[in-house]
Amino acid sequence: NLSLPRAIPLAYRLDENLKPLDRPDGKLDEATGFLRGEWIGGDQAVTEILERDRRQVYDTTIENNLETDDSRKKWSEWVRLLMGDDSPEAKANKNLNGRKRFSA
């Protein structure tokens, strides 16, 4: 059973014939145990997301949406930083002219 998280980039290193190379550590990913690619967020982050998704679907004791809790916000902010967006703190320190604002 291969379960893949939604919207998490998976990077492969390719040879000159565009065939996937083994990971530098020579192992398969820890999140699924099937893939030679590397999760951009890291194996541990993807493992946590897959576990959250599994619990959301199969754990009947869950009463709230696990995708909308604080861990989702933390992951979203991390992805925005990875993709080049300013952090909320960096945005708060810029004024309309792009200069840093001094805090007291």
N, C-alpha and C. Protein backbone atom coordinates (compact mmCIF):
# COMPACT_ATOMS: atom_id res chain seq x y z
N ASN A 1 0.84 -1.17 0.00
CA ASN A 1 0.00 0.00 0.00
C ASN A 1 0.88 1.24 0.00
N LEU A 2 0.88 1.98 -1.08
CA LEU A 2 1.67 3.21 -1.19
C LEU A 2 0.76 4.40 -0.98
N SER A 3 1.05 5.17 0.04
CA SER A 3 0.28 6.38 0.35
C SER A 3 1.19 7.57 0.16
N LEU A 4 0.79 8.53 -0.67
CA LEU A 4 1.60 9.71 -0.94
C LEU A 4 0.88 10.95 -0.41
N PRO A 5 1.62 11.86 0.22
CA PRO A 5 1.00 13.09 0.70
C PRO A 5 0.68 14.03 -0.45
N ARG A 6 -0.31 14.85 -0.25
CA ARG A 6 -0.69 15.83 -1.27
C ARG A 6 0.22 17.05 -1.18
N ALA A 7 0.62 17.56 -2.33
CA ALA A 7 1.32 18.84 -2.47
C ALA A 7 2.66 18.90 -1.74
N ILE A 8 3.33 17.79 -1.59
CA ILE A 8 4.67 17.78 -1.00
C ILE A 8 5.64 17.40 -2.11
N PRO A 9 6.56 18.30 -2.47
CA PRO A 9 7.48 18.00 -3.57
C PRO A 9 8.40 16.82 -3.26
N LEU A 10 8.62 16.01 -4.25
CA LEU A 10 9.52 14.86 -4.18
C LEU A 10 10.56 15.04 -5.27
N ALA A 11 11.83 15.11 -4.88
CA ALA A 11 12.90 15.38 -5.85
C ALA A 11 13.69 14.11 -6.13
N TYR A 12 13.98 13.90 -7.39
CA TYR A 12 14.82 12.78 -7.82
C TYR A 12 16.08 13.32 -8.47
N ARG A 13 17.18 12.64 -8.26
CA ARG A 13 18.40 12.91 -9.00
C ARG A 13 18.38 11.96 -10.20
N LEU A 14 18.69 12.48 -11.39
CA LEU A 14 18.60 11.69 -12.61
C LEU A 14 19.97 11.53 -13.25
N ASP A 15 20.17 10.40 -13.92
CA ASP A 15 21.41 10.21 -14.67
C ASP A 15 21.25 10.84 -16.06
N GLU A 16 22.25 10.67 -16.91
CA GLU A 16 22.21 11.29 -18.25
C GLU A 16 21.08 10.73 -19.12
N ASN A 17 20.55 9.56 -18.77
CA ASN A 17 19.43 8.97 -19.51
C ASN A 17 18.08 9.25 -18.83
N LEU A 18 18.11 10.16 -17.87
CA LEU A 18 16.93 10.57 -17.11
C LEU A 18 16.31 9.44 -16.30
N LYS A 19 17.14 8.52 -15.86
CA LYS A 19 16.70 7.45 -14.96
C LYS A 19 17.05 7.86 -13.53
N PRO A 20 16.15 7.59 -12.58
CA PRO A 20 16.40 7.99 -11.19
C PRO A 20 17.64 7.31 -10.61
N LEU A 21 18.45 8.11 -9.94
CA LEU A 21 19.62 7.59 -9.23
C LEU A 21 19.21 7.26 -7.80
N ASP A 22 19.99 6.41 -7.15
CA ASP A 22 19.76 6.13 -5.74
C ASP A 22 20.00 7.39 -4.92
N ARG A 23 19.38 7.45 -3.77
CA ARG A 23 19.62 8.55 -2.85
C ARG A 23 21.07 8.49 -2.39
N PRO A 24 21.62 9.63 -1.96
CA PRO A 24 23.01 9.63 -1.48
C PRO A 24 23.25 8.64 -0.33
N ASP A 25 22.22 8.43 0.52
CA ASP A 25 22.39 7.49 1.63
C ASP A 25 22.16 6.04 1.20
N GLY A 26 21.75 5.84 -0.07
CA GLY A 26 21.55 4.50 -0.60
C GLY A 26 20.27 3.81 -0.14
N LYS A 27 19.43 4.52 0.60
CA LYS A 27 18.21 3.93 1.15
C LYS A 27 16.99 4.40 0.38
N LEU A 28 15.86 3.76 0.64
CA LEU A 28 14.57 4.24 0.16
C LEU A 28 14.06 5.26 1.17
N ASP A 29 13.10 6.09 0.76
CA ASP A 29 12.60 7.10 1.69
C ASP A 29 11.99 6.44 2.92
N GLU A 30 12.11 7.12 4.06
CA GLU A 30 11.59 6.57 5.31
C GLU A 30 10.07 6.74 5.41
N ALA A 31 9.52 7.71 4.71
CA ALA A 31 8.09 8.00 4.83
C ALA A 31 7.24 6.88 4.24
N THR A 32 7.60 6.38 3.05
CA THR A 32 6.80 5.32 2.42
C THR A 32 7.55 4.00 2.35
N GLY A 33 8.87 4.06 2.30
CA GLY A 33 9.67 2.85 2.18
C GLY A 33 9.75 2.29 0.77
N PHE A 34 9.22 3.05 -0.21
CA PHE A 34 9.17 2.56 -1.59
C PHE A 34 9.95 3.43 -2.60
N LEU A 35 10.25 4.66 -2.26
CA LEU A 35 10.73 5.62 -3.24
C LEU A 35 12.21 5.96 -3.06
N ARG A 36 12.89 6.23 -4.19
CA ARG A 36 14.30 6.62 -4.16
C ARG A 36 14.46 8.13 -4.16
N GLY A 37 13.38 8.86 -4.31
CA GLY A 37 13.44 10.32 -4.29
C GLY A 37 13.58 10.85 -2.87
N GLU A 38 13.82 12.16 -2.79
CA GLU A 38 13.95 12.82 -1.49
C GLU A 38 12.82 13.83 -1.33
N TRP A 39 12.08 13.73 -0.24
CA TRP A 39 11.02 14.69 0.04
C TRP A 39 11.65 16.02 0.40
N ILE A 40 11.18 17.10 -0.22
CA ILE A 40 11.75 18.41 0.03
C ILE A 40 11.62 18.79 1.50
N GLY A 41 10.54 18.42 2.14
CA GLY A 41 10.35 18.71 3.56
C GLY A 41 11.08 17.75 4.48
N GLY A 42 11.67 16.70 3.94
CA GLY A 42 12.34 15.70 4.76
C GLY A 42 11.43 14.52 5.05
N ASP A 43 12.03 13.38 5.24
CA ASP A 43 11.26 12.15 5.49
C ASP A 43 10.40 12.26 6.74
N GLN A 44 10.94 12.85 7.81
CA GLN A 44 10.19 12.92 9.07
C GLN A 44 8.93 13.76 8.92
N ALA A 45 9.01 14.90 8.24
CA ALA A 45 7.83 15.75 8.05
C ALA A 45 6.77 15.02 7.24
N VAL A 46 7.18 14.30 6.21
CA VAL A 46 6.23 13.56 5.38
C VAL A 46 5.63 12.40 6.17
N THR A 47 6.43 11.74 6.98
CA THR A 47 5.90 10.67 7.83
C THR A 47 4.81 11.20 8.75
N GLU A 48 5.03 12.38 9.33
CA GLU A 48 4.02 12.99 10.21
C GLU A 48 2.75 13.33 9.45
N ILE A 49 2.89 13.85 8.24
CA ILE A 49 1.72 14.19 7.44
C ILE A 49 0.94 12.94 7.07
N LEU A 50 1.64 11.88 6.66
CA LEU A 50 0.96 10.63 6.31
C LEU A 50 0.24 10.04 7.52
N GLU A 51 0.84 10.12 8.69
CA GLU A 51 0.19 9.61 9.90
C GLU A 51 -1.04 10.45 10.23
N ARG A 52 -0.92 11.76 10.09
CA ARG A 52 -2.08 12.64 10.32
C ARG A 52 -3.21 12.28 9.36
N ASP A 53 -2.89 12.09 8.09
CA ASP A 53 -3.91 11.74 7.10
C ASP A 53 -4.54 10.38 7.41
N ARG A 54 -3.72 9.42 7.82
CA ARG A 54 -4.25 8.09 8.16
C ARG A 54 -5.22 8.20 9.33
N ARG A 55 -4.83 8.94 10.36
CA ARG A 55 -5.71 9.11 11.52
C ARG A 55 -7.00 9.82 11.13
N GLN A 56 -6.88 10.83 10.27
CA GLN A 56 -8.07 11.59 9.86
C GLN A 56 -9.09 10.68 9.17
N VAL A 57 -8.63 9.73 8.41
CA VAL A 57 -9.51 8.85 7.65
C VAL A 57 -10.00 7.66 8.47
N TYR A 58 -9.08 7.01 9.20
CA TYR A 58 -9.42 5.73 9.82
C TYR A 58 -9.66 5.76 11.33
N ASP A 59 -9.23 6.80 12.02
CA ASP A 59 -9.40 6.85 13.47
C ASP A 59 -10.75 7.49 13.80
N THR A 60 -11.69 6.68 14.25
CA THR A 60 -13.05 7.17 14.49
C THR A 60 -13.17 8.00 15.77
N THR A 61 -12.10 8.09 16.56
CA THR A 61 -12.16 8.93 17.76
C THR A 61 -11.81 10.38 17.46
N ILE A 62 -11.32 10.67 16.26
CA ILE A 62 -10.97 12.05 15.88
C ILE A 62 -12.25 12.84 15.69
N GLU A 63 -12.35 13.97 16.39
CA GLU A 63 -13.57 14.78 16.30
C GLU A 63 -13.38 16.09 15.56
N ASN A 64 -12.15 16.47 15.26
CA ASN A 64 -11.91 17.71 14.52
C ASN A 64 -11.02 17.42 13.31
N ASN A 65 -10.98 18.34 12.39
CA ASN A 65 -10.19 18.19 11.18
C ASN A 65 -8.72 18.42 11.50
N LEU A 66 -7.92 17.38 11.37
CA LEU A 66 -6.50 17.47 11.71
C LEU A 66 -5.71 18.35 10.75
N GLU A 67 -6.25 18.62 9.58
CA GLU A 67 -5.54 19.46 8.62
C GLU A 67 -5.65 20.93 8.95
N THR A 68 -6.51 21.31 9.87
CA THR A 68 -6.68 22.72 10.19
C THR A 68 -6.12 23.08 11.55
N ASP A 69 -5.39 22.18 12.19
CA ASP A 69 -4.81 22.49 13.49
C ASP A 69 -3.50 23.25 13.32
N ASP A 70 -2.81 23.53 14.42
CA ASP A 70 -1.59 24.33 14.40
C ASP A 70 -0.46 23.69 13.60
N SER A 71 -0.39 22.35 13.54
CA SER A 71 0.69 21.71 12.79
C SER A 71 0.56 22.01 11.29
N ARG A 72 -0.66 22.13 10.79
CA ARG A 72 -0.88 22.49 9.38
C ARG A 72 -0.36 23.89 9.10
N LYS A 73 -0.63 24.82 10.01
CA LYS A 73 -0.16 26.19 9.84
C LYS A 73 1.37 26.22 9.83
N LYS A 74 1.99 25.48 10.74
CA LYS A 74 3.44 25.42 10.81
C LYS A 74 4.01 24.89 9.49
N TRP A 75 3.42 23.81 8.96
CA TRP A 75 3.90 23.23 7.71
C TRP A 75 3.71 24.21 6.55
N SER A 76 2.57 24.89 6.48
CA SER A 76 2.31 25.85 5.41
C SER A 76 3.33 26.98 5.43
N GLU A 77 3.64 27.48 6.62
CA GLU A 77 4.63 28.55 6.73
C GLU A 77 6.01 28.06 6.28
N TRP A 78 6.36 26.82 6.64
CA TRP A 78 7.65 26.28 6.23
C TRP A 78 7.74 26.18 4.71
N VAL A 79 6.68 25.70 4.06
CA VAL A 79 6.66 25.56 2.61
C VAL A 79 6.78 26.93 1.95
N ARG A 80 6.07 27.94 2.48
CA ARG A 80 6.18 29.29 1.92
C ARG A 80 7.61 29.81 2.02
N LEU A 81 8.28 29.55 3.15
CA LEU A 81 9.67 29.97 3.28
C LEU A 81 10.56 29.25 2.28
N LEU A 82 10.33 27.96 2.12
CA LEU A 82 11.11 27.16 1.18
C LEU A 82 10.94 27.67 -0.25
N MET A 83 9.73 28.07 -0.58
CA MET A 83 9.44 28.51 -1.94
C MET A 83 9.80 29.98 -2.18
N GLY A 84 10.27 30.68 -1.14
CA GLY A 84 10.77 32.02 -1.36
C GLY A 84 9.93 33.16 -0.81
N ASP A 85 8.78 32.88 -0.23
CA ASP A 85 8.00 33.95 0.37
C ASP A 85 8.69 34.43 1.64
N ASP A 86 8.51 35.71 1.94
CA ASP A 86 9.01 36.23 3.21
C ASP A 86 8.22 35.63 4.35
N SER A 87 8.88 35.47 5.48
CA SER A 87 8.18 35.01 6.67
C SER A 87 7.26 36.13 7.17
N PRO A 88 6.27 35.82 7.99
CA PRO A 88 5.41 36.87 8.54
C PRO A 88 6.22 37.94 9.27
N GLU A 89 7.28 37.53 9.97
CA GLU A 89 8.12 38.49 10.69
C GLU A 89 8.85 39.42 9.72
N ALA A 90 9.35 38.85 8.62
CA ALA A 90 10.06 39.67 7.63
C ALA A 90 9.11 40.66 6.97
N LYS A 91 7.89 40.20 6.67
CA LYS A 91 6.91 41.10 6.08
C LYS A 91 6.55 42.23 7.03
N ALA A 92 6.45 41.91 8.32
CA ALA A 92 6.09 42.93 9.31
C ALA A 92 7.18 43.97 9.46
N ASN A 93 8.43 43.61 9.17
CA ASN A 93 9.55 44.54 9.32
C ASN A 93 9.80 45.39 8.08
N LYS A 94 8.98 45.24 7.06
CA LYS A 94 9.13 46.06 5.85
C LYS A 94 8.00 47.07 5.78
N ASN A 95 8.32 48.28 5.38
CA ASN A 95 7.23 49.23 5.15
C ASN A 95 6.96 49.31 3.65
N LEU A 96 6.12 50.22 3.24
CA LEU A 96 5.73 50.27 1.83
C LEU A 96 6.89 50.57 0.89
N ASN A 97 7.93 51.22 1.38
CA ASN A 97 9.09 51.54 0.52
C ASN A 97 10.12 50.42 0.51
N GLY A 98 9.85 49.33 1.18
CA GLY A 98 10.77 48.22 1.18
C GLY A 98 11.90 48.35 2.18
N ARG A 99 11.88 49.41 3.01
CA ARG A 99 12.93 49.58 4.01
C ARG A 99 12.52 48.88 5.29
N LYS A 100 13.52 48.46 6.04
CA LYS A 100 13.22 47.81 7.32
C LYS A 100 12.67 48.80 8.31
N ARG A 101 11.69 48.35 9.05
CA ARG A 101 11.11 49.15 10.12
C ARG A 101 11.86 48.82 11.40
N PHE A 102 12.17 49.81 12.19
CA PHE A 102 12.86 49.56 13.46
C PHE A 102 11.82 49.27 14.53
N SER A 103 12.09 48.25 15.33
CA SER A 103 11.18 47.93 16.42
C SER A 103 11.77 48.42 17.74
N ALA A 104 10.89 48.80 18.63
CA ALA A 104 11.34 49.35 19.92
C ALA A 104 11.53 48.25 20.92
